[in-house]
Amino acid sequence: MQLAPDFSLEELTVSDTARRKRISNDPAPAHLRNPRRTAALLQA
């Protein structure tokens, strides 16, 4: 999911620890507001 022109959700949620422990690091739909806001602030 593209959050801003230069940032995707996958980029902002990558985690070697989560991958190694097979833990989902995907935010619930209700929690997407913060990654969208972070991407917008980083884009500016």
PDB file of N, CA and C in Angstrom:
ATOM      1  N   MET A   1       0.851  -1.168   0.000  1.00  0.00           N
ATOM      2  CA  MET A   1       0.000   0.000   0.000  1.00  0.00           C
ATOM      3  C   MET A   1       0.897   1.230   0.000  1.00  0.00           C
ATOM      4  N   GLN A   2       0.667   2.127  -0.938  1.00  0.00           N
ATOM      5  CA  GLN A   2       1.438   3.353  -1.039  1.00  0.00           C
ATOM      6  C   GLN A   2       0.841   4.388  -0.093  1.00  0.00           C
ATOM      7  N   LEU A   3       1.634   4.880   0.850  1.00  0.00           N
ATOM      8  CA  LEU A   3       1.165   5.855   1.833  1.00  0.00           C
ATOM      9  C   LEU A   3       1.435   7.282   1.388  1.00  0.00           C
ATOM     10  N   ALA A   4       2.501   7.461   0.642  1.00  0.00           N
ATOM     11  CA  ALA A   4       2.900   8.756   0.101  1.00  0.00           C
ATOM     12  C   ALA A   4       3.680   8.446  -1.177  1.00  0.00           C
ATOM     13  N   PRO A   5       3.937   9.438  -2.017  1.00  0.00           N
ATOM     14  CA  PRO A   5       4.636   9.139  -3.267  1.00  0.00           C
ATOM     15  C   PRO A   5       5.948   8.352  -3.100  1.00  0.00           C
ATOM     16  N   ASP A   6       6.665   8.601  -2.023  1.00  0.00           N
ATOM     17  CA  ASP A   6       7.958   7.930  -1.835  1.00  0.00           C
ATOM     18  C   ASP A   6       7.987   6.886  -0.733  1.00  0.00           C
ATOM     19  N   PHE A   7       6.856   6.592  -0.099  1.00  0.00           N
ATOM     20  CA  PHE A   7       6.844   5.645   1.021  1.00  0.00           C
ATOM     21  C   PHE A   7       5.690   4.664   0.913  1.00  0.00           C
ATOM     22  N   SER A   8       6.011   3.391   1.134  1.00  0.00           N
ATOM     23  CA  SER A   8       4.980   2.354   1.146  1.00  0.00           C
ATOM     24  C   SER A   8       4.823   1.829   2.573  1.00  0.00           C
ATOM     25  N   LEU A   9       3.706   1.208   2.827  1.00  0.00           N
ATOM     26  CA  LEU A   9       3.470   0.617   4.150  1.00  0.00           C
ATOM     27  C   LEU A   9       4.524  -0.453   4.434  1.00  0.00           C
ATOM     28  N   GLU A  10       4.892  -1.211   3.418  1.00  0.00           N
ATOM     29  CA  GLU A  10       5.887  -2.267   3.593  1.00  0.00           C
ATOM     30  C   GLU A  10       7.226  -1.697   4.064  1.00  0.00           C
ATOM     31  N   GLU A  11       7.614  -0.532   3.524  1.00  0.00           N
ATOM     32  CA  GLU A  11       8.871   0.095   3.934  1.00  0.00           C
ATOM     33  C   GLU A  11       8.846   0.541   5.397  1.00  0.00           C
ATOM     34  N   LEU A  12       7.689   1.008   5.837  1.00  0.00           N
ATOM     35  CA  LEU A  12       7.596   1.532   7.199  1.00  0.00           C
ATOM     36  C   LEU A  12       7.361   0.453   8.248  1.00  0.00           C
ATOM     37  N   THR A  13       7.058  -0.768   7.825  1.00  0.00           N
ATOM     38  CA  THR A  13       6.780  -1.823   8.798  1.00  0.00           C
ATOM     39  C   THR A  13       7.754  -2.991   8.705  1.00  0.00           C
ATOM     40  N   VAL A  14       8.821  -2.837   7.934  1.00  0.00           N
ATOM     41  CA  VAL A  14       9.800  -3.920   7.826  1.00  0.00           C
ATOM     42  C   VAL A  14      10.477  -4.153   9.175  1.00  0.00           C
ATOM     43  N   SER A  15      10.653  -5.413   9.531  1.00  0.00           N
ATOM     44  CA  SER A  15      11.270  -5.756  10.803  1.00  0.00           C
ATOM     45  C   SER A  15      11.944  -7.112  10.694  1.00  0.00           C
ATOM     46  N   ASP A  16      13.253  -7.131  10.859  1.00  0.00           N
ATOM     47  CA  ASP A  16      13.975  -8.406  10.835  1.00  0.00           C
ATOM     48  C   ASP A  16      13.541  -9.301  11.991  1.00  0.00           C
ATOM     49  N   THR A  17      13.291  -8.702  13.145  1.00  0.00           N
ATOM     50  CA  THR A  17      12.862  -9.478  14.311  1.00  0.00           C
ATOM     51  C   THR A  17      11.506 -10.127  14.058  1.00  0.00           C
ATOM     52  N   ALA A  18      10.567  -9.365  13.525  1.00  0.00           N
ATOM     53  CA  ALA A  18       9.245  -9.926  13.226  1.00  0.00           C
ATOM     54  C   ALA A  18       9.366 -11.041  12.197  1.00  0.00           C
ATOM     55  N   ARG A  19      10.185 -10.837  11.188  1.00  0.00           N
ATOM     56  CA  ARG A  19      10.378 -11.873  10.171  1.00  0.00           C
ATOM     57  C   ARG A  19      11.000 -13.123  10.790  1.00  0.00           C
ATOM     58  N   ARG A  20      12.024 -12.925  11.614  1.00  0.00           N
ATOM     59  CA  ARG A  20      12.717 -14.056  12.234  1.00  0.00           C
ATOM     60  C   ARG A  20      11.794 -14.839  13.170  1.00  0.00           C
ATOM     61  N   LYS A  21      10.943 -14.115  13.904  1.00  0.00           N
ATOM     62  CA  LYS A  21      10.036 -14.771  14.855  1.00  0.00           C
ATOM     63  C   LYS A  21       8.675 -15.104  14.245  1.00  0.00           C
ATOM     64  N   ARG A  22       8.543 -14.813  12.944  1.00  0.00           N
ATOM     65  CA  ARG A  22       7.298 -15.075  12.211  1.00  0.00           C
ATOM     66  C   ARG A  22       6.091 -14.389  12.865  1.00  0.00           C
ATOM     67  N   ILE A  23       6.304 -13.111  13.202  1.00  0.00           N
ATOM     68  CA  ILE A  23       5.263 -12.282  13.798  1.00  0.00           C
ATOM     69  C   ILE A  23       4.796 -11.288  12.738  1.00  0.00           C
ATOM     70  N   SER A  24       3.502 -11.149  12.591  1.00  0.00           N
ATOM     71  CA  SER A  24       2.970 -10.162  11.655  1.00  0.00           C
ATOM     72  C   SER A  24       3.249  -8.762  12.188  1.00  0.00           C
ATOM     73  N   ASN A  25       3.766  -7.918  11.333  1.00  0.00           N
ATOM     74  CA  ASN A  25       4.029  -6.533  11.711  1.00  0.00           C
ATOM     75  C   ASN A  25       3.115  -5.588  10.942  1.00  0.00           C
ATOM     76  N   ASP A  26       2.015  -6.125  10.423  1.00  0.00           N
ATOM     77  CA  ASP A  26       1.057  -5.331   9.665  1.00  0.00           C
ATOM     78  C   ASP A  26       0.062  -4.669  10.617  1.00  0.00           C
ATOM     79  N   PRO A  27      -0.115  -3.359  10.490  1.00  0.00           N
ATOM     80  CA  PRO A  27      -1.081  -2.685  11.357  1.00  0.00           C
ATOM     81  C   PRO A  27      -2.516  -3.038  10.960  1.00  0.00           C
ATOM     82  N   ALA A  28      -3.387  -3.063  11.928  1.00  0.00           N
ATOM     83  CA  ALA A  28      -4.814  -3.272  11.669  1.00  0.00           C
ATOM     84  C   ALA A  28      -5.344  -2.059  10.911  1.00  0.00           C
ATOM     85  N   PRO A  29      -6.399  -2.226  10.121  1.00  0.00           N
ATOM     86  CA  PRO A  29      -6.951  -1.087   9.371  1.00  0.00           C
ATOM     87  C   PRO A  29      -7.229   0.136  10.253  1.00  0.00           C
ATOM     88  N   ALA A  30      -7.645  -0.089  11.468  1.00  0.00           N
ATOM     89  CA  ALA A  30      -7.931   1.027  12.373  1.00  0.00           C
ATOM     90  C   ALA A  30      -6.668   1.784  12.779  1.00  0.00           C
ATOM     91  N   HIS A  31      -5.499   1.178  12.583  1.00  0.00           N
ATOM     92  CA  HIS A  31      -4.245   1.800  13.008  1.00  0.00           C
ATOM     93  C   HIS A  31      -3.438   2.379  11.844  1.00  0.00           C
ATOM     94  N   LEU A  32      -4.006   2.471  10.679  1.00  0.00           N
ATOM     95  CA  LEU A  32      -3.277   2.985   9.516  1.00  0.00           C
ATOM     96  C   LEU A  32      -3.110   4.498   9.523  1.00  0.00           C
ATOM     97  N   ARG A  33      -3.816   5.176  10.379  1.00  0.00           N
ATOM     98  CA  ARG A  33      -3.716   6.636  10.422  1.00  0.00           C
ATOM     99  C   ARG A  33      -2.286   7.093  10.749  1.00  0.00           C
ATOM    100  N   ASN A  34      -1.650   6.476  11.715  1.00  0.00           N
ATOM    101  CA  ASN A  34      -0.304   6.897  12.113  1.00  0.00           C
ATOM    102  C   ASN A  34       0.746   6.662  11.026  1.00  0.00           C
ATOM    103  N   PRO A  35       0.790   5.491  10.375  1.00  0.00           N
ATOM    104  CA  PRO A  35       1.766   5.342   9.285  1.00  0.00           C
ATOM    105  C   PRO A  35       1.518   6.325   8.133  1.00  0.00           C
ATOM    106  N   ARG A  36       0.260   6.602   7.844  1.00  0.00           N
ATOM    107  CA  ARG A  36      -0.042   7.584   6.788  1.00  0.00           C
ATOM    108  C   ARG A  36       0.470   8.965   7.185  1.00  0.00           C
ATOM    109  N   ARG A  37       0.269   9.328   8.428  1.00  0.00           N
ATOM    110  CA  ARG A  37       0.719  10.637   8.906  1.00  0.00           C
ATOM    111  C   ARG A  37       2.259  10.704   8.913  1.00  0.00           C
ATOM    112  N   THR A  38       2.900   9.649   9.354  1.00  0.00           N
ATOM    113  CA  THR A  38       4.367   9.603   9.353  1.00  0.00           C
ATOM    114  C   THR A  38       4.898   9.747   7.937  1.00  0.00           C
ATOM    115  N   ALA A  39       4.322   9.011   6.990  1.00  0.00           N
ATOM    116  CA  ALA A  39       4.775   9.099   5.592  1.00  0.00           C
ATOM    117  C   ALA A  39       4.585  10.512   5.057  1.00  0.00           C
ATOM    118  N   ALA A  40       3.476  11.127   5.371  1.00  0.00           N
ATOM    119  CA  ALA A  40       3.231  12.499   4.898  1.00  0.00           C
ATOM    120  C   ALA A  40       4.252  13.477   5.485  1.00  0.00           C
ATOM    121  N   LEU A  41       4.578  13.305   6.753  1.00  0.00           N
ATOM    122  CA  LEU A  41       5.570  14.191   7.385  1.00  0.00           C
ATOM    123  C   LEU A  41       6.965  13.962   6.810  1.00  0.00           C
ATOM    124  N   LEU A  42       7.321  12.716   6.532  1.00  0.00           N
ATOM    125  CA  LEU A  42       8.616  12.417   5.951  1.00  0.00           C
ATOM    126  C   LEU A  42       8.703  12.909   4.513  1.00  0.00           C
ATOM    127  N   GLN A  43       7.591  12.884   3.821  1.00  0.00           N
ATOM    128  CA  GLN A  43       7.542  13.324   2.426  1.00  0.00           C
ATOM    129  C   GLN A  43       7.779  14.831   2.302  1.00  0.00           C
ATOM    130  N   ALA A  44       7.319  15.558   3.287  1.00  0.00           N
ATOM    131  CA  ALA A  44       7.400  17.030   3.223  1.00  0.00           C
ATOM    132  C   ALA A  44       8.777  17.522   3.346  1.00  0.00           C
TER     133      ALA A  44
END
